[in-house]
Amino acid sequence: MSRSIRPDAVLIQAVIAGALSFAHLHDLAEAAGQSGWKAWAYPISVDLLLVAAWRRLRTARRDSSAWTWFVIALAASLGANVATAGLLDLHDVPAWLRILVAGWPALAFLGGTLLVHSPTQPPAVEQVPAPEVDVQRADAPESAPAPPTAPELAPAADPAPPAAPVVPAALLDHARKIADAHRASTGKPMPAEALTARLGLPAPMADAITTQLQLA
């Protein structure tokens, strides 16, 4: 099934504007001394530079060089339209306009080369933070917080054993006499508890005496 072609007002307007601008550029170039095929090449050169600058602006809006060449190409097109509207005598073109028309191909080639081969900066990509993921399941019971652990304490060092008291020689002789008298009367060694009670001395001193006397 064939589709019907609907006329587009913008497209028709673009064709009319392009054709008129093309004709004005041709007439101006021919009046400036560019005859034959050269006069027809000037409109193509201006339109190509205009299109290249516009395509560069679509990818890099802040590119100042693209805006510069776009304005230059637009000024060349608008200038030709205004000049051929009766404001300029096409039979007596001034010298500066002839020089400008003659130098246009080199200028257009320079602009097109810079637009095509200049590097473009890629658009900045906004860093989106990754969403936080809860590793706990919704149906899992919440675990109770762990009780605080008590700080580890270093093991206490074993206390040093107390030093044995020094037994005077006279006290030791007195204790030996008591122990010998008990052995002589009973025939058995005197118990340490009995000697301790007999002497009435503190436990450390009594233990030291019984140890030296080797009493059971």
Protein backbone atom coordinates (compact mmCIF):
# COMPACT_ATOMS: atom_id res chain seq x y z
CA MET A 1 0.00 0.00 0.00
CA SER A 2 1.49 3.30 -1.07
CA ARG A 3 1.73 5.97 1.56
CA SER A 4 0.45 9.45 0.72
CA ILE A 5 3.06 12.23 0.63
CA ARG A 6 2.08 15.09 2.88
CA PRO A 7 3.64 18.46 2.07
CA ASP A 8 5.70 19.94 4.89
CA ALA A 9 5.65 23.75 5.11
CA VAL A 10 9.06 23.87 6.77
CA LEU A 11 10.61 21.64 4.11
CA ILE A 12 9.13 23.74 1.28
CA GLN A 13 10.39 26.90 2.95
CA ALA A 14 13.87 25.38 3.31
CA VAL A 15 13.98 24.46 -0.38
CA ILE A 16 12.93 27.97 -1.42
CA ALA A 17 15.41 29.65 0.93
CA GLY A 18 18.22 27.36 -0.20
CA ALA A 19 17.52 27.93 -3.88
CA LEU A 20 17.38 31.73 -3.52
CA SER A 21 20.51 31.84 -1.38
CA PHE A 22 22.29 29.57 -3.85
CA ALA A 23 21.35 31.88 -6.73
CA HIS A 24 22.43 35.02 -4.84
CA LEU A 25 25.82 33.53 -4.00
CA HIS A 26 26.29 32.51 -7.63
CA ASP A 27 25.41 35.97 -8.90
CA LEU A 28 27.77 37.65 -6.41
CA ALA A 29 30.66 35.33 -7.25
CA GLU A 30 30.12 35.84 -10.97
CA ALA A 31 30.00 39.63 -10.50
CA ALA A 32 33.28 39.43 -8.54
CA GLY A 33 35.07 37.83 -11.50
CA GLN A 34 34.41 34.10 -10.86
CA SER A 35 32.83 32.90 -14.08
CA GLY A 36 31.74 29.50 -15.33
CA TRP A 37 31.80 26.51 -12.99
CA LYS A 38 33.69 28.53 -10.38
CA ALA A 39 30.66 30.74 -9.74
CA TRP A 40 28.52 27.64 -9.12
CA ALA A 41 31.09 26.19 -6.65
CA TYR A 42 30.88 29.17 -4.27
CA PRO A 43 27.31 28.52 -3.06
CA ILE A 44 28.18 24.86 -2.45
CA SER A 45 31.27 25.88 -0.45
CA VAL A 46 29.30 28.31 1.76
CA ASP A 47 26.48 25.83 2.40
CA LEU A 48 28.89 22.98 3.22
CA LEU A 49 30.72 25.13 5.79
CA LEU A 50 27.39 26.15 7.29
CA VAL A 51 26.26 22.53 7.58
CA ALA A 52 29.60 21.39 9.07
CA ALA A 53 29.49 24.14 11.71
CA TRP A 54 25.88 23.26 12.57
CA ARG A 55 26.67 19.57 12.98
CA ARG A 56 29.58 20.44 15.26
CA LEU A 57 27.32 22.65 17.37
CA ARG A 58 24.87 19.76 17.86
CA THR A 59 27.60 17.67 19.54
CA ALA A 60 29.45 20.49 21.34
CA ARG A 61 27.25 23.45 22.23
CA ARG A 62 30.07 25.28 24.04
CA ASP A 63 32.59 24.97 21.21
CA SER A 64 33.59 28.56 20.42
CA SER A 65 35.30 27.61 17.15
CA ALA A 66 32.09 26.01 15.85
CA TRP A 67 30.14 29.15 16.65
CA THR A 68 32.81 31.26 14.90
CA TRP A 69 32.66 29.32 11.63
CA PHE A 70 28.88 29.12 11.79
CA VAL A 71 28.69 32.92 12.02
CA ILE A 72 31.21 33.33 9.17
CA ALA A 73 29.25 31.02 6.84
CA LEU A 74 25.95 32.64 7.83
CA ALA A 75 27.38 36.11 7.21
CA ALA A 76 28.59 35.05 3.76
CA SER A 77 25.15 33.72 2.86
CA LEU A 78 23.24 36.71 4.27
CA GLY A 79 25.75 39.14 2.79
CA ALA A 80 25.21 37.72 -0.69
CA ASN A 81 21.42 37.96 -0.27
CA VAL A 82 21.61 41.60 0.82
CA ALA A 83 24.23 42.58 -1.74
CA THR A 84 22.19 41.27 -4.66
CA ALA A 85 19.03 43.06 -3.48
CA GLY A 86 20.03 46.29 -5.24
CA LEU A 87 22.37 47.66 -2.57
CA LEU A 88 25.44 46.75 -4.60
CA ASP A 89 26.15 47.50 -8.25
CA LEU A 90 26.99 44.06 -9.61
CA HIS A 91 28.52 45.68 -12.72
CA ASP A 92 31.02 47.63 -10.61
CA VAL A 93 32.06 45.41 -7.69
CA PRO A 94 34.59 47.06 -5.29
CA ALA A 95 38.09 45.65 -5.02
CA TRP A 96 37.73 44.52 -1.38
CA LEU A 97 34.75 42.34 -2.33
CA ARG A 98 36.69 40.78 -5.20
CA ILE A 99 39.53 40.00 -2.80
CA LEU A 100 37.08 38.52 -0.26
CA VAL A 101 35.41 36.31 -2.87
CA ALA A 102 38.76 35.15 -4.24
CA GLY A 103 40.03 34.24 -0.77
CA TRP A 104 36.86 32.46 0.30
CA PRO A 105 37.84 28.92 -0.90
CA ALA A 106 40.97 28.87 1.28
CA LEU A 107 39.02 30.25 4.25
CA ALA A 108 36.23 27.69 3.82
CA PHE A 109 38.73 24.84 3.51
CA LEU A 110 40.48 25.95 6.72
CA GLY A 111 37.20 26.16 8.62
CA GLY A 112 35.97 22.78 7.41
CA THR A 113 39.26 21.11 8.32
CA LEU A 114 39.25 22.56 11.83
CA LEU A 115 35.64 21.55 12.38
CA VAL A 116 36.18 17.98 11.24
CA HIS A 117 39.54 17.24 12.88
CA SER A 118 39.24 19.15 16.16
CA PRO A 119 38.73 16.75 19.11
CA THR A 120 35.41 16.92 20.88
CA GLN A 121 35.08 16.48 24.61
CA PRO A 122 32.66 13.70 25.60
CA PRO A 123 29.76 14.84 27.73
CA ALA A 124 30.30 14.49 31.44
CA VAL A 125 28.55 11.48 32.89
CA GLU A 126 26.94 12.11 36.23
CA GLN A 127 28.08 9.64 38.82
CA VAL A 128 25.05 7.99 40.37
CA PRO A 129 25.74 6.51 43.80
CA ALA A 130 24.99 2.82 44.08
CA PRO A 131 21.92 2.04 46.20
CA GLU A 132 22.57 0.63 49.62
CA VAL A 133 21.69 -3.05 49.82
CA ASP A 134 20.48 -4.55 53.09
CA VAL A 135 22.05 -7.99 53.35
CA GLN A 136 19.61 -9.09 56.05
CA ARG A 137 16.44 -10.82 54.94
CA ALA A 138 13.15 -9.23 55.88
CA ASP A 139 11.89 -12.39 57.58
CA ALA A 140 15.11 -13.12 59.46
CA PRO A 141 15.02 -12.30 63.20
CA GLU A 142 17.19 -9.46 64.25
CA SER A 143 20.21 -10.71 66.09
CA ALA A 144 20.73 -9.37 69.59
CA PRO A 145 23.75 -7.18 70.00
CA ALA A 146 26.72 -8.99 71.41
CA PRO A 147 27.43 -8.16 75.06
CA PRO A 148 30.47 -6.03 75.60
CA THR A 149 33.48 -8.11 76.38
CA ALA A 150 35.48 -7.32 79.44
CA PRO A 151 39.03 -6.26 78.78
CA GLU A 152 41.48 -9.07 79.19
CA LEU A 153 43.53 -8.72 82.31
CA ALA A 154 47.04 -9.98 82.59
CA PRO A 155 47.39 -12.92 85.06
CA ALA A 156 48.52 -11.81 88.46
CA ALA A 157 52.03 -12.80 89.30
CA ASP A 158 52.47 -15.31 92.12
CA PRO A 159 53.43 -13.50 95.31
CA ALA A 160 56.95 -14.18 96.44
CA PRO A 161 57.14 -16.50 99.47
CA PRO A 162 57.91 -14.66 102.70
CA ALA A 163 61.45 -14.96 103.92
CA ALA A 164 62.01 -17.26 106.89
CA PRO A 165 62.66 -15.38 110.11
CA VAL A 166 66.15 -15.53 111.60
CA VAL A 167 66.19 -17.62 114.83
CA PRO A 168 68.61 -16.37 117.49
CA ALA A 169 71.13 -18.95 118.61
CA ALA A 170 70.10 -18.67 122.28
CA LEU A 171 66.43 -19.27 121.43
CA LEU A 172 67.38 -22.25 119.29
CA ASP A 173 69.47 -23.76 122.15
CA HIS A 174 66.58 -23.26 124.57
CA ALA A 175 64.18 -25.02 122.21
CA ARG A 176 66.65 -27.89 121.72
CA LYS A 177 66.94 -28.40 125.47
CA ILE A 178 63.15 -28.57 125.82
CA ALA A 179 62.94 -31.08 122.96
CA ASP A 180 65.81 -33.20 124.40
CA ALA A 181 64.17 -33.25 127.86
CA HIS A 182 60.92 -34.43 126.33
CA ARG A 183 62.73 -37.22 124.44
CA ALA A 184 64.56 -38.28 127.57
CA SER A 185 61.40 -38.48 129.64
CA THR A 186 59.07 -40.04 127.09
CA GLY A 187 61.45 -41.77 124.70
CA LYS A 188 59.74 -40.06 121.74
CA PRO A 189 60.51 -36.87 119.83
CA MET A 190 58.58 -33.85 120.96
CA PRO A 191 55.76 -32.92 118.55
CA ALA A 192 56.07 -29.59 116.76
CA GLU A 193 52.70 -28.42 118.08
CA ALA A 194 53.76 -29.10 121.65
CA LEU A 195 57.04 -27.23 121.21
CA THR A 196 55.18 -24.32 119.63
CA ALA A 197 52.72 -24.18 122.53
CA ARG A 198 55.58 -24.51 125.04
CA LEU A 199 57.57 -21.66 123.59
CA GLY A 200 54.54 -19.36 123.01
CA LEU A 201 56.13 -17.87 119.86
CA PRO A 202 54.49 -16.60 116.68
CA ALA A 203 53.82 -19.21 114.02
CA PRO A 204 56.60 -18.14 111.62
CA MET A 205 59.23 -18.23 114.34
CA ALA A 206 57.97 -21.54 115.76
CA ASP A 207 57.94 -23.10 112.26
CA ALA A 208 61.52 -21.98 111.71
CA ILE A 209 62.65 -23.55 115.01
CA THR A 210 60.89 -26.86 114.40
CA THR A 211 62.33 -26.99 110.90
CA GLN A 212 65.86 -26.55 112.19
CA LEU A 213 65.30 -29.07 114.94
CA GLN A 214 63.67 -31.49 112.43
CA LEU A 215 60.75 -32.27 114.67
CA ALA A 216 57.82 -34.36 113.38
